[in-house]
């Protein structure tokens, strides 16, 4: 049986003199929505940046070195939404996402584990679930739990189609989350 798209609620802090320092206003509840609908500034003026994501666990391989990491399919705005800084190389571009290029930006620990150092990873090939990807960037070390250090980022179009075969709803790929 095919699973139904997840229902989600987006809450945005709203400044109010009645609630100190802020309260939450529910701005979207639904079983499906386009990210562009959620990001519409006219409808939702309290939202800043909105970035879709599709993530899954994958095996990354360089030579005889193998790691298991969370791989996120994202758009270029994702780096701004999550306040990520590129230490070496560059983050994904709109053109690369649109062209479905097989490129990857690695977290600092993932790059070091696979290539010995962050700088050594740039312009190298890494296999993700047996697909070859070109490393175009390495993120600055963040530290802490659930940081980007152990993750990898590819164009969302590649993650949804080529890497993880995402479910479709009415012909459109589904996402696993939205970052704001």
Protein backbone atom coordinates (compact mmCIF):
# COMPACT_ATOMS: atom_id res chain seq x y z
CA UNK A 1 0.00 0.00 0.00
CA UNK A 2 1.32 3.44 -0.93
CA UNK A 3 1.86 5.79 1.98
CA UNK A 4 0.02 9.09 2.07
CA UNK A 5 1.96 12.39 2.13
CA UNK A 6 2.60 13.53 5.69
CA UNK A 7 0.52 16.32 7.15
CA UNK A 8 2.53 19.14 8.63
CA UNK A 9 2.01 22.41 10.41
CA UNK A 10 4.28 25.41 10.02
CA UNK A 11 4.38 27.80 12.96
CA UNK A 12 6.00 31.21 12.80
CA UNK A 13 6.90 33.44 15.75
CA UNK A 14 4.80 36.58 15.76
CA UNK A 15 5.66 39.64 17.85
CA UNK A 16 2.82 40.68 20.07
CA UNK A 17 2.33 43.11 22.92
CA UNK A 18 -0.12 40.66 24.46
CA UNK A 19 2.33 37.74 24.54
CA UNK A 20 5.87 38.27 25.71
CA UNK A 21 8.21 37.90 23.93
CA UNK A 22 6.25 36.25 21.10
CA UNK A 23 3.50 33.78 20.32
CA UNK A 24 3.12 31.28 17.52
CA UNK A 25 0.62 31.69 14.72
CA UNK A 26 -0.28 28.67 12.67
CA UNK A 27 0.16 29.59 9.02
CA UNK A 28 -0.26 26.35 7.14
CA UNK A 29 -1.92 23.03 7.80
CA UNK A 30 -2.34 20.57 5.00
CA UNK A 31 -1.72 17.19 3.51
CA UNK A 32 0.08 18.64 0.52
CA UNK A 33 1.55 21.94 -0.54
CA UNK A 34 4.07 23.29 -2.95
CA UNK A 35 7.08 24.85 -1.25
CA UNK A 36 6.43 27.93 -3.36
CA UNK A 37 2.97 28.21 -1.74
CA UNK A 38 4.52 28.16 1.72
CA UNK A 39 7.24 30.64 0.67
CA UNK A 40 4.74 33.14 -0.78
CA UNK A 41 5.62 36.36 1.08
CA UNK A 42 2.23 37.95 0.29
CA UNK A 43 0.39 35.09 1.98
CA UNK A 44 2.92 34.46 4.76
CA UNK A 45 4.77 37.74 5.45
CA UNK A 46 6.28 36.40 8.69
CA UNK A 47 8.33 33.76 6.89
CA UNK A 48 11.88 34.52 5.86
CA UNK A 49 13.44 31.82 3.69
CA UNK A 50 11.91 28.42 2.88
CA UNK A 51 13.87 25.47 1.52
CA UNK A 52 12.54 22.00 0.66
CA UNK A 53 14.63 18.93 1.46
CA UNK A 54 14.59 15.23 0.72
CA UNK A 55 16.87 13.12 2.87
CA UNK A 56 17.83 9.51 3.37
CA UNK A 57 20.76 7.50 4.67
CA UNK A 58 23.33 6.44 2.07
CA UNK A 59 26.72 4.78 1.73
CA UNK A 60 29.55 7.07 0.56
CA UNK A 61 32.70 5.45 -0.83
CA UNK A 62 36.14 6.73 -1.81
CA UNK A 63 38.47 3.88 -2.77
CA UNK A 64 38.41 1.42 0.13
CA UNK A 65 37.01 3.98 2.59
CA UNK A 66 33.29 3.71 3.23
CA UNK A 67 30.97 5.74 5.46
CA UNK A 68 27.26 5.80 6.14
CA UNK A 69 25.81 9.31 6.22
CA UNK A 70 22.58 11.24 5.96
CA UNK A 71 22.38 12.70 2.44
CA UNK A 72 20.14 15.71 1.87
CA UNK A 73 18.72 16.71 -1.47
CA UNK A 74 18.44 20.50 -1.27
CA UNK A 75 18.22 23.74 -3.22
CA UNK A 76 20.82 26.53 -3.09
CA UNK A 77 18.77 28.58 -0.57
CA UNK A 78 19.15 25.73 1.96
CA UNK A 79 22.63 26.93 2.92
CA UNK A 80 21.24 30.36 3.82
CA UNK A 81 18.26 28.94 5.71
CA UNK A 82 20.54 26.70 7.81
CA UNK A 83 23.32 29.34 8.13
CA UNK A 84 25.88 26.99 6.60
CA UNK A 85 29.29 28.28 5.57
CA UNK A 86 31.38 26.72 2.81
CA UNK A 87 35.03 26.31 3.86
CA UNK A 88 36.34 25.06 0.50
CA UNK A 89 34.76 25.16 -2.96
CA UNK A 90 31.14 26.26 -3.37
CA UNK A 91 27.59 25.28 -2.47
CA UNK A 92 25.06 24.12 -5.07
CA UNK A 93 23.81 26.59 -7.69
CA UNK A 94 20.34 26.91 -9.23
CA UNK A 95 21.79 25.86 -12.59
CA UNK A 96 23.34 22.70 -11.12
CA UNK A 97 20.07 21.73 -9.43
CA UNK A 98 18.08 22.38 -12.62
CA UNK A 99 20.58 20.38 -14.71
CA UNK A 100 20.45 17.53 -12.16
CA UNK A 101 24.24 17.47 -11.94
CA UNK A 102 25.79 14.69 -9.87
CA UNK A 103 27.66 16.94 -7.48
CA UNK A 104 27.97 16.89 -3.70
CA UNK A 105 28.89 19.24 -0.87
CA UNK A 106 30.32 17.34 2.10
CA UNK A 107 30.29 18.11 5.79
CA UNK A 108 33.79 18.59 7.23
CA UNK A 109 33.91 15.24 9.09
CA UNK A 110 32.55 13.33 6.09
CA UNK A 111 35.22 14.93 3.87
CA UNK A 112 37.99 14.13 6.35
CA UNK A 113 36.79 10.55 6.82
CA UNK A 114 36.71 9.92 3.07
CA UNK A 115 39.68 11.99 1.84
CA UNK A 116 41.92 12.68 4.86
CA UNK A 117 41.17 16.43 4.88
CA UNK A 118 38.54 18.89 3.73
CA UNK A 119 40.75 20.55 1.13
CA UNK A 120 41.76 17.19 -0.38
CA UNK A 121 38.11 16.38 -1.16
CA UNK A 122 37.53 19.22 -3.65
CA UNK A 123 37.26 18.07 -7.29
CA UNK A 124 37.45 14.40 -6.25
CA UNK A 125 34.87 11.72 -7.02
CA UNK A 126 32.87 9.95 -4.32
CA UNK A 127 30.32 7.20 -4.84
CA UNK A 128 26.94 7.66 -3.16
CA UNK A 129 24.82 4.50 -3.30
CA UNK A 130 27.02 3.36 -6.23
CA UNK A 131 26.55 6.61 -8.21
CA UNK A 132 29.63 8.76 -8.91
CA UNK A 133 29.47 12.37 -7.66
CA UNK A 134 31.95 15.24 -7.98
CA UNK A 135 32.80 16.99 -4.71
CA UNK A 136 32.31 20.74 -5.33
CA UNK A 137 32.35 21.98 -1.74
CA UNK A 138 33.12 21.22 1.89
CA UNK A 139 31.31 22.95 4.73
CA UNK A 140 32.96 24.70 7.62
CA UNK A 141 33.04 22.60 10.79
CA UNK A 142 30.00 23.27 12.92
CA UNK A 143 30.43 20.90 15.88
CA UNK A 144 27.76 19.64 18.24
CA UNK A 145 25.03 17.06 17.92
CA UNK A 146 23.08 16.84 14.66
CA UNK A 147 25.50 19.21 12.93
CA UNK A 148 26.15 19.24 9.19
CA UNK A 149 29.65 17.85 9.80
CA UNK A 150 28.57 14.23 9.15
CA UNK A 151 26.19 14.98 6.29
CA UNK A 152 26.29 15.39 2.51
CA UNK A 153 24.22 17.65 0.24
CA UNK A 154 23.22 17.01 -3.38
CA UNK A 155 20.75 18.72 -5.74
CA UNK A 156 17.21 17.90 -4.60
CA UNK A 157 16.26 16.75 -8.11
CA UNK A 158 19.06 14.16 -8.03
CA UNK A 159 18.17 12.93 -4.53
CA UNK A 160 14.49 12.53 -5.36
CA UNK A 161 14.98 10.78 -8.69
CA UNK A 162 18.35 9.14 -9.16
CA UNK A 163 19.49 8.39 -5.61
CA UNK A 164 16.41 7.58 -3.55
CA UNK A 165 13.47 7.20 -5.97
CA UNK A 166 11.15 9.44 -3.93
CA UNK A 167 7.42 8.86 -3.88
CA UNK A 168 5.33 11.00 -6.19
CA UNK A 169 2.04 12.67 -5.43
CA UNK A 170 0.04 13.59 -8.53
CA UNK A 171 3.19 13.45 -10.63
CA UNK A 172 5.31 15.64 -8.33
CA UNK A 173 8.10 14.29 -6.15
CA UNK A 174 7.46 14.43 -2.43
CA UNK A 175 9.83 16.02 0.09
CA UNK A 176 10.77 14.82 3.57
CA UNK A 177 10.98 18.25 5.17
CA UNK A 178 10.97 22.00 4.88
CA UNK A 179 13.60 24.21 6.54
CA UNK A 180 12.80 27.81 7.45
